[in-house]
Amino acid sequence: INSVGTVSEKVRANLEQVKARGGRVIVVGSDEESLALGEESIRIPATSEWVSPLLNVVPLQLFAYEVARLKGCDIDKPRNLAKSVTVE
């Protein structure tokens, strides 16, 4: 979350809603106000609002991978993944 961006306030409101409902909040971003709302945080370098999604996606993918691995999910064959194959 970039503190300069227009999305930050909306994201912080969503984080507050998750916390109010008893959800655990893990924040990925660079906005100090948003990072303070999380129980855990993954900091990324501050950048423009347009570039930040590219920087956020890598730690989020690694996080999802590790959570799936810890839960014992088959990472190479996810459930309900529909694939299409073109045969010529």
PDB file of N, CA and C in Angstrom:
ATOM      1  N   ILE A   1       0.852  -1.163   0.000  1.00  0.00           N
ATOM      2  CA  ILE A   1       0.000   0.000   0.000  1.00  0.00           C
ATOM      3  C   ILE A   1       0.900   1.229   0.000  1.00  0.00           C
ATOM      4  N   ASN A   2       0.683   2.083  -0.916  1.00  0.00           N
ATOM      5  CA  ASN A   2       1.490   3.296  -1.013  1.00  0.00           C
ATOM      6  C   ASN A   2       0.730   4.438  -0.343  1.00  0.00           C
ATOM      7  N   SER A   3       1.365   5.091   0.631  1.00  0.00           N
ATOM      8  CA  SER A   3       0.684   6.146   1.381  1.00  0.00           C
ATOM      9  C   SER A   3       0.298   7.323   0.495  1.00  0.00           C
ATOM     10  N   VAL A   4       0.928   7.471  -0.657  1.00  0.00           N
ATOM     11  CA  VAL A   4       0.620   8.575  -1.557  1.00  0.00           C
ATOM     12  C   VAL A   4      -0.618   8.261  -2.386  1.00  0.00           C
ATOM     13  N   GLY A   5      -0.898   6.988  -2.571  1.00  0.00           N
ATOM     14  CA  GLY A   5      -1.986   6.564  -3.446  1.00  0.00           C
ATOM     15  C   GLY A   5      -3.361   6.874  -2.891  1.00  0.00           C
ATOM     16  N   THR A   6      -4.335   6.915  -3.770  1.00  0.00           N
ATOM     17  CA  THR A   6      -5.713   7.212  -3.387  1.00  0.00           C
ATOM     18  C   THR A   6      -6.407   6.008  -2.772  1.00  0.00           C
ATOM     19  N   VAL A   7      -5.819   4.843  -2.896  1.00  0.00           N
ATOM     20  CA  VAL A   7      -6.442   3.609  -2.436  1.00  0.00           C
ATOM     21  C   VAL A   7      -6.181   3.361  -0.952  1.00  0.00           C
ATOM     22  N   SER A   8      -5.151   3.959  -0.399  1.00  0.00           N
ATOM     23  CA  SER A   8      -4.719   3.667   0.970  1.00  0.00           C
ATOM     24  C   SER A   8      -5.814   3.820   2.010  1.00  0.00           C
ATOM     25  N   GLU A   9      -6.568   4.896   1.939  1.00  0.00           N
ATOM     26  CA  GLU A   9      -7.618   5.117   2.931  1.00  0.00           C
ATOM     27  C   GLU A   9      -8.679   4.036   2.853  1.00  0.00           C
ATOM     28  N   LYS A  10      -9.040   3.626   1.654  1.00  0.00           N
ATOM     29  CA  LYS A  10     -10.044   2.574   1.487  1.00  0.00           C
ATOM     30  C   LYS A  10      -9.520   1.240   2.005  1.00  0.00           C
ATOM     31  N   VAL A  11      -8.262   0.971   1.745  1.00  0.00           N
ATOM     32  CA  VAL A  11      -7.668  -0.278   2.219  1.00  0.00           C
ATOM     33  C   VAL A  11      -7.628  -0.290   3.743  1.00  0.00           C
ATOM     34  N   ARG A  12      -7.255   0.825   4.346  1.00  0.00           N
ATOM     35  CA  ARG A  12      -7.226   0.908   5.813  1.00  0.00           C
ATOM     36  C   ARG A  12      -8.618   0.687   6.398  1.00  0.00           C
ATOM     37  N   ALA A  13      -9.646   1.225   5.757  1.00  0.00           N
ATOM     38  CA  ALA A  13     -11.018   1.001   6.219  1.00  0.00           C
ATOM     39  C   ALA A  13     -11.366  -0.483   6.148  1.00  0.00           C
ATOM     40  N   ASN A  14     -10.925  -1.155   5.078  1.00  0.00           N
ATOM     41  CA  ASN A  14     -11.180  -2.589   4.945  1.00  0.00           C
ATOM     42  C   ASN A  14     -10.428  -3.384   6.013  1.00  0.00           C
ATOM     43  N   LEU A  15      -9.190  -2.975   6.304  1.00  0.00           N
ATOM     44  CA  LEU A  15      -8.423  -3.642   7.352  1.00  0.00           C
ATOM     45  C   LEU A  15      -9.125  -3.512   8.699  1.00  0.00           C
ATOM     46  N   GLU A  16      -9.650  -2.337   8.980  1.00  0.00           N
ATOM     47  CA  GLU A  16     -10.385  -2.121  10.234  1.00  0.00           C
ATOM     48  C   GLU A  16     -11.617  -3.015  10.316  1.00  0.00           C
ATOM     49  N   GLN A  17     -12.306  -3.185   9.186  1.00  0.00           N
ATOM     50  CA  GLN A  17     -13.487  -4.058   9.162  1.00  0.00           C
ATOM     51  C   GLN A  17     -13.114  -5.517   9.439  1.00  0.00           C
ATOM     52  N   VAL A  18     -12.024  -5.966   8.862  1.00  0.00           N
ATOM     53  CA  VAL A  18     -11.562  -7.339   9.103  1.00  0.00           C
ATOM     54  C   VAL A  18     -11.230  -7.523  10.577  1.00  0.00           C
ATOM     55  N   LYS A  19     -10.514  -6.560  11.155  1.00  0.00           N
ATOM     56  CA  LYS A  19     -10.160  -6.634  12.566  1.00  0.00           C
ATOM     57  C   LYS A  19     -11.406  -6.610  13.453  1.00  0.00           C
ATOM     58  N   ALA A  20     -12.387  -5.774  13.109  1.00  0.00           N
ATOM     59  CA  ALA A  20     -13.614  -5.666  13.896  1.00  0.00           C
ATOM     60  C   ALA A  20     -14.388  -6.979  13.910  1.00  0.00           C
ATOM     61  N   ARG A  21     -14.224  -7.778  12.867  1.00  0.00           N
ATOM     62  CA  ARG A  21     -14.909  -9.067  12.780  1.00  0.00           C
ATOM     63  C   ARG A  21     -14.058 -10.224  13.305  1.00  0.00           C
ATOM     64  N   GLY A  22     -12.928  -9.876  13.923  1.00  0.00           N
ATOM     65  CA  GLY A  22     -12.092 -10.899  14.539  1.00  0.00           C
ATOM     66  C   GLY A  22     -11.106 -11.566  13.603  1.00  0.00           C
ATOM     67  N   GLY A  23     -10.915 -11.007  12.422  1.00  0.00           N
ATOM     68  CA  GLY A  23      -9.985 -11.594  11.459  1.00  0.00           C
ATOM     69  C   GLY A  23      -8.541 -11.229  11.775  1.00  0.00           C
ATOM     70  N   ARG A  24      -7.654 -12.106  11.388  1.00  0.00           N
ATOM     71  CA  ARG A  24      -6.226 -11.848  11.559  1.00  0.00           C
ATOM     72  C   ARG A  24      -5.743 -11.062  10.343  1.00  0.00           C
ATOM     73  N   VAL A  25      -5.025  -9.980  10.578  1.00  0.00           N
ATOM     74  CA  VAL A  25      -4.601  -9.093   9.495  1.00  0.00           C
ATOM     75  C   VAL A  25      -3.092  -9.184   9.304  1.00  0.00           C
ATOM     76  N   ILE A  26      -2.701  -9.532   8.086  1.00  0.00           N
ATOM     77  CA  ILE A  26      -1.296  -9.535   7.677  1.00  0.00           C
ATOM     78  C   ILE A  26      -1.206  -8.542   6.521  1.00  0.00           C
ATOM     79  N   VAL A  27      -0.424  -7.497   6.701  1.00  0.00           N
ATOM     80  CA  VAL A  27      -0.362  -6.402   5.729  1.00  0.00           C
ATOM     81  C   VAL A  27       0.917  -6.497   4.907  1.00  0.00           C
ATOM     82  N   VAL A  28       0.770  -6.348   3.600  1.00  0.00           N
ATOM     83  CA  VAL A  28       1.913  -6.291   2.688  1.00  0.00           C
ATOM     84  C   VAL A  28       1.900  -4.907   2.070  1.00  0.00           C
ATOM     85  N   GLY A  29       3.003  -4.169   2.205  1.00  0.00           N
ATOM     86  CA  GLY A  29       3.054  -2.845   1.604  1.00  0.00           C
ATOM     87  C   GLY A  29       4.099  -1.957   2.236  1.00  0.00           C
ATOM     88  N   SER A  30       3.953  -0.654   1.986  1.00  0.00           N
ATOM     89  CA  SER A  30       4.916   0.313   2.497  1.00  0.00           C
ATOM     90  C   SER A  30       4.259   1.442   3.276  1.00  0.00           C
ATOM     91  N   ASP A  31       2.939   1.479   3.331  1.00  0.00           N
ATOM     92  CA  ASP A  31       2.216   2.534   4.036  1.00  0.00           C
ATOM     93  C   ASP A  31       2.262   2.261   5.540  1.00  0.00           C
ATOM     94  N   GLU A  32       2.934   3.153   6.278  1.00  0.00           N
ATOM     95  CA  GLU A  32       3.147   2.941   7.713  1.00  0.00           C
ATOM     96  C   GLU A  32       1.844   2.821   8.494  1.00  0.00           C
ATOM     97  N   GLU A  33       0.849   3.624   8.146  1.00  0.00           N
ATOM     98  CA  GLU A  33      -0.433   3.562   8.854  1.00  0.00           C
ATOM     99  C   GLU A  33      -1.101   2.206   8.670  1.00  0.00           C
ATOM    100  N   SER A  34      -1.048   1.681   7.462  1.00  0.00           N
ATOM    101  CA  SER A  34      -1.642   0.378   7.189  1.00  0.00           C
ATOM    102  C   SER A  34      -0.844  -0.742   7.844  1.00  0.00           C
ATOM    103  N   LEU A  35       0.481  -0.638   7.775  1.00  0.00           N
ATOM    104  CA  LEU A  35       1.324  -1.661   8.394  1.00  0.00           C
ATOM    105  C   LEU A  35       1.072  -1.740   9.898  1.00  0.00           C
ATOM    106  N   ALA A  36       0.774  -0.603  10.523  1.00  0.00           N
ATOM    107  CA  ALA A  36       0.517  -0.575  11.965  1.00  0.00           C
ATOM    108  C   ALA A  36      -0.775  -1.304  12.333  1.00  0.00           C
ATOM    109  N   LEU A  37      -1.705  -1.441  11.393  1.00  0.00           N
ATOM    110  CA  LEU A  37      -2.972  -2.114  11.666  1.00  0.00           C
ATOM    111  C   LEU A  37      -2.845  -3.635  11.672  1.00  0.00           C
ATOM    112  N   GLY A  38      -1.795  -4.155  11.061  1.00  0.00           N
ATOM    113  CA  GLY A  38      -1.655  -5.599  10.948  1.00  0.00           C
ATOM    114  C   GLY A  38      -1.020  -6.233  12.163  1.00  0.00           C
ATOM    115  N   GLU A  39      -1.392  -7.499  12.399  1.00  0.00           N
ATOM    116  CA  GLU A  39      -0.725  -8.268  13.443  1.00  0.00           C
ATOM    117  C   GLU A  39       0.682  -8.645  12.977  1.00  0.00           C
ATOM    118  N   GLU A  40       0.795  -8.853  11.689  1.00  0.00           N
ATOM    119  CA  GLU A  40       2.076  -9.146  11.051  1.00  0.00           C
ATOM    120  C   GLU A  40       2.165  -8.248   9.827  1.00  0.00           C
ATOM    121  N   SER A  41       3.387  -8.021   9.364  1.00  0.00           N
ATOM    122  CA  SER A  41       3.518  -7.202   8.160  1.00  0.00           C
ATOM    123  C   SER A  41       4.714  -7.666   7.332  1.00  0.00           C
ATOM    124  N   ILE A  42       4.584  -7.479   6.046  1.00  0.00           N
ATOM    125  CA  ILE A  42       5.658  -7.724   5.096  1.00  0.00           C
ATOM    126  C   ILE A  42       5.896  -6.396   4.396  1.00  0.00           C
ATOM    127  N   ARG A  43       7.038  -5.790   4.664  1.00  0.00           N
ATOM    128  CA  ARG A  43       7.343  -4.475   4.103  1.00  0.00           C
ATOM    129  C   ARG A  43       7.956  -4.612   2.709  1.00  0.00           C
ATOM    130  N   ILE A  44       7.520  -3.727   1.835  1.00  0.00           N
ATOM    131  CA  ILE A  44       8.114  -3.634   0.500  1.00  0.00           C
ATOM    132  C   ILE A  44       8.599  -2.206   0.318  1.00  0.00           C
ATOM    133  N   PRO A  45       9.494  -1.974  -0.623  1.00  0.00           N
ATOM    134  CA  PRO A  45       9.969  -0.602  -0.851  1.00  0.00           C
ATOM    135  C   PRO A  45       8.827   0.309  -1.319  1.00  0.00           C
ATOM    136  N   ALA A  46       8.854   1.551  -0.864  1.00  0.00           N
ATOM    137  CA  ALA A  46       7.851   2.528  -1.298  1.00  0.00           C
ATOM    138  C   ALA A  46       8.102   2.874  -2.761  1.00  0.00           C
ATOM    139  N   THR A  47       7.032   2.959  -3.515  1.00  0.00           N
ATOM    140  CA  THR A  47       7.126   3.283  -4.937  1.00  0.00           C
ATOM    141  C   THR A  47       5.800   3.902  -5.370  1.00  0.00           C
ATOM    142  N   SER A  48       5.638   4.134  -6.653  1.00  0.00           N
ATOM    143  CA  SER A  48       4.395   4.734  -7.144  1.00  0.00           C
ATOM    144  C   SER A  48       3.236   3.744  -7.012  1.00  0.00           C
ATOM    145  N   GLU A  49       2.048   4.303  -7.016  1.00  0.00           N
ATOM    146  CA  GLU A  49       0.838   3.485  -6.911  1.00  0.00           C
ATOM    147  C   GLU A  49       0.733   2.499  -8.076  1.00  0.00           C
ATOM    148  N   TRP A  50       1.307   2.839  -9.206  1.00  0.00           N
ATOM    149  CA  TRP A  50       1.210   1.984 -10.389  1.00  0.00           C
ATOM    150  C   TRP A  50       2.204   0.825 -10.351  1.00  0.00           C
ATOM    151  N   VAL A  51       3.319   1.002  -9.682  1.00  0.00           N
ATOM    152  CA  VAL A  51       4.352  -0.036  -9.635  1.00  0.00           C
ATOM    153  C   VAL A  51       4.174  -0.948  -8.420  1.00  0.00           C
ATOM    154  N   SER A  52       3.559  -0.451  -7.370  1.00  0.00           N
ATOM    155  CA  SER A  52       3.460  -1.222  -6.130  1.00  0.00           C
ATOM    156  C   SER A  52       2.801  -2.596  -6.291  1.00  0.00           C
ATOM    157  N   PRO A  53       1.782  -2.775  -7.141  1.00  0.00           N
ATOM    158  CA  PRO A  53       1.239  -4.139  -7.294  1.00  0.00           C
ATOM    159  C   PRO A  53       2.283  -5.141  -7.790  1.00  0.00           C
ATOM    160  N   LEU A  54       3.197  -4.684  -8.631  1.00  0.00           N
ATOM    161  CA  LEU A  54       4.245  -5.579  -9.123  1.00  0.00           C
ATOM    162  C   LEU A  54       5.181  -5.991  -7.992  1.00  0.00           C
ATOM    163  N   LEU A  55       5.459  -5.075  -7.069  1.00  0.00           N
ATOM    164  CA  LEU A  55       6.319  -5.395  -5.937  1.00  0.00           C
ATOM    165  C   LEU A  55       5.579  -6.221  -4.884  1.00  0.00           C
ATOM    166  N   ASN A  56       4.281  -6.028  -4.764  1.00  0.00           N
ATOM    167  CA  ASN A  56       3.493  -6.766  -3.771  1.00  0.00           C
ATOM    168  C   ASN A  56       3.280  -8.224  -4.153  1.00  0.00           C
ATOM    169  N   VAL A  57       3.189  -8.512  -5.435  1.00  0.00           N
ATOM    170  CA  VAL A  57       2.780  -9.843  -5.861  1.00  0.00           C
ATOM    171  C   VAL A  57       3.810 -10.920  -5.499  1.00  0.00           C
ATOM    172  N   VAL A  58       5.083 -10.609  -5.531  1.00  0.00           N
ATOM    173  CA  VAL A  58       6.100 -11.628  -5.244  1.00  0.00           C
ATOM    174  C   VAL A  58       6.019 -12.113  -3.791  1.00  0.00           C
ATOM    175  N   PRO A  59       6.036 -11.213  -2.794  1.00  0.00           N
ATOM    176  CA  PRO A  59       5.906 -11.725  -1.424  1.00  0.00           C
ATOM    177  C   PRO A  59       4.562 -12.408  -1.167  1.00  0.00           C
ATOM    178  N   LEU A  60       3.493 -11.947  -1.827  1.00  0.00           N
ATOM    179  CA  LEU A  60       2.195 -12.592  -1.649  1.00  0.00           C
ATOM    180  C   LEU A  60       2.185 -14.008  -2.223  1.00  0.00           C
ATOM    181  N   GLN A  61       2.816 -14.208  -3.372  1.00  0.00           N
ATOM    182  CA  GLN A  61       2.905 -15.546  -3.953  1.00  0.00           C
ATOM    183  C   GLN A  61       3.734 -16.466  -3.076  1.00  0.00           C
ATOM    184  N   LEU A  62       4.843 -15.966  -2.565  1.00  0.00           N
ATOM    185  CA  LEU A  62       5.673 -16.773  -1.674  1.00  0.00           C
ATOM    186  C   LEU A  62       4.928 -17.107  -0.384  1.00  0.00           C
ATOM    187  N   PHE A  63       4.189 -16.154   0.148  1.00  0.00           N
ATOM    188  CA  PHE A  63       3.395 -16.381   1.348  1.00  0.00           C
ATOM    189  C   PHE A  63       2.344 -17.470   1.095  1.00  0.00           C
ATOM    190  N   ALA A  64       1.616 -17.356  -0.015  1.00  0.00           N
ATOM    191  CA  ALA A  64       0.596 -18.345  -0.356  1.00  0.00           C
ATOM    192  C   ALA A  64       1.217 -19.733  -0.533  1.00  0.00           C
ATOM    193  N   TYR A  65       2.370 -19.787  -1.168  1.00  0.00           N
ATOM    194  CA  TYR A  65       3.074 -21.060  -1.364  1.00  0.00           C
ATOM    195  C   TYR A  65       3.417 -21.698  -0.019  1.00  0.00           C
ATOM    196  N   GLU A  66       3.980 -20.908   0.890  1.00  0.00           N
ATOM    197  CA  GLU A  66       4.395 -21.447   2.195  1.00  0.00           C
ATOM    198  C   GLU A  66       3.200 -21.873   3.041  1.00  0.00           C
ATOM    199  N   VAL A  67       2.119 -21.119   3.000  1.00  0.00           N
ATOM    200  CA  VAL A  67       0.917 -21.501   3.755  1.00  0.00           C
ATOM    201  C   VAL A  67       0.353 -22.807   3.205  1.00  0.00           C
ATOM    202  N   ALA A  68       0.278 -22.926   1.881  1.00  0.00           N
ATOM    203  CA  ALA A  68      -0.222 -24.164   1.275  1.00  0.00           C
ATOM    204  C   ALA A  68       0.677 -25.342   1.631  1.00  0.00           C
ATOM    205  N   ARG A  69       1.969 -25.129   1.607  1.00  0.00           N
ATOM    206  CA  ARG A  69       2.908 -26.200   1.946  1.00  0.00           C
ATOM    207  C   ARG A  69       2.743 -26.619   3.405  1.00  0.00           C
ATOM    208  N   LEU A  70       2.634 -25.640   4.314  1.00  0.00           N
ATOM    209  CA  LEU A  70       2.458 -25.946   5.735  1.00  0.00           C
ATOM    210  C   LEU A  70       1.136 -26.667   6.020  1.00  0.00           C
ATOM    211  N   LYS A  71       0.108 -26.359   5.217  1.00  0.00           N
ATOM    212  CA  LYS A  71      -1.182 -27.032   5.390  1.00  0.00           C
ATOM    213  C   LYS A  71      -1.205 -28.421   4.761  1.00  0.00           C
ATOM    214  N   GLY A  72      -0.139 -28.769   4.053  1.00  0.00           N
ATOM    215  CA  GLY A  72      -0.070 -30.087   3.430  1.00  0.00           C
ATOM    216  C   GLY A  72      -0.799 -30.193   2.107  1.00  0.00           C
ATOM    217  N   CYS A  73      -1.068 -29.066   1.477  1.00  0.00           N
ATOM    218  CA  CYS A  73      -1.750 -29.077   0.180  1.00  0.00           C
ATOM    219  C   CYS A  73      -0.775 -29.532  -0.905  1.00  0.00           C
ATOM    220  N   ASP A  74      -1.307 -30.170  -1.942  1.00  0.00           N
ATOM    221  CA  ASP A  74      -0.478 -30.573  -3.077  1.00  0.00           C
ATOM    222  C   ASP A  74      -0.277 -29.343  -3.954  1.00  0.00           C
ATOM    223  N   ILE A  75       0.865 -28.723  -3.819  1.00  0.00           N
ATOM    224  CA  ILE A  75       1.141 -27.456  -4.486  1.00  0.00           C
ATOM    225  C   ILE A  75       1.219 -27.609  -6.004  1.00  0.00           C
ATOM    226  N   ASP A  76       1.673 -28.770  -6.465  1.00  0.00           N
ATOM    227  CA  ASP A  76       1.810 -28.980  -7.902  1.00  0.00           C
ATOM    228  C   ASP A  76       0.502 -29.371  -8.579  1.00  0.00           C
ATOM    229  N   LYS A  77      -0.481 -29.797  -7.808  1.00  0.00           N
ATOM    230  CA  LYS A  77      -1.771 -30.192  -8.379  1.00  0.00           C
ATOM    231  C   LYS A  77      -2.896 -29.630  -7.511  1.00  0.00           C
ATOM    232  N   PRO A  78      -3.169 -28.329  -7.610  1.00  0.00           N
ATOM    233  CA  PRO A  78      -4.216 -27.742  -6.777  1.00  0.00           C
ATOM    234  C   PRO A  78      -5.596 -28.294  -7.116  1.00  0.00           C
ATOM    235  N   ARG A  79      -6.419 -28.403  -6.080  1.00  0.00           N
ATOM    236  CA  ARG A  79      -7.791 -28.873  -6.267  1.00  0.00           C
ATOM    237  C   ARG A  79      -8.568 -27.918  -7.158  1.00  0.00           C
ATOM    238  N   ASN A  80      -9.482 -28.461  -7.923  1.00  0.00           N
ATOM    239  CA  ASN A  80     -10.427 -27.680  -8.733  1.00  0.00           C
ATOM    240  C   ASN A  80      -9.760 -26.748  -9.745  1.00  0.00           C
ATOM    241  N   LEU A  81      -8.542 -27.037 -10.138  1.00  0.00           N
ATOM    242  CA  LEU A  81      -7.883 -26.221 -11.156  1.00  0.00           C
ATOM    243  C   LEU A  81      -8.255 -26.771 -12.518  1.00  0.00           C
ATOM    244  N   ALA A  82      -8.946 -25.961 -13.303  1.00  0.00           N
ATOM    245  CA  ALA A  82      -9.362 -26.383 -14.637  1.00  0.00           C
ATOM    246  C   ALA A  82      -8.289 -25.986 -15.635  1.00  0.00           C
ATOM    247  N   LYS A  83      -7.870 -26.943 -16.416  1.00  0.00           N
ATOM    248  CA  LYS A  83      -6.847 -26.667 -17.438  1.00  0.00           C
ATOM    249  C   LYS A  83      -7.442 -27.012 -18.799  1.00  0.00           C
ATOM    250  N   SER A  84      -6.975 -26.322 -19.806  1.00  0.00           N
ATOM    251  CA  SER A  84      -7.373 -26.685 -21.157  1.00  0.00           C
ATOM    252  C   SER A  84      -6.115 -26.978 -21.958  1.00  0.00           C
ATOM    253  N   VAL A  85      -6.213 -27.973 -22.786  1.00  0.00           N
ATOM    254  CA  VAL A  85      -5.077 -28.389 -23.596  1.00  0.00           C
ATOM    255  C   VAL A  85      -5.524 -28.378 -25.051  1.00  0.00           C
ATOM    256  N   THR A  86      -4.745 -27.743 -25.899  1.00  0.00           N
ATOM    257  CA  THR A  86      -5.037 -27.739 -27.321  1.00  0.00           C
ATOM    258  C   THR A  86      -4.166 -28.789 -27.987  1.00  0.00           C
ATOM    259  N   VAL A  87      -4.825 -29.705 -28.665  1.00  0.00           N
ATOM    260  CA  VAL A  87      -4.098 -30.771 -29.353  1.00  0.00           C
ATOM    261  C   VAL A  87      -4.292 -30.555 -30.847  1.00  0.00           C
ATOM    262  N   GLU A  88      -3.172 -30.585 -31.568  1.00  0.00           N
ATOM    263  CA  GLU A  88      -3.270 -30.388 -33.021  1.00  0.00           C
ATOM    264  C   GLU A  88      -3.118 -31.703 -33.739  1.00  0.00           C
TER     265      GLU A  88
END
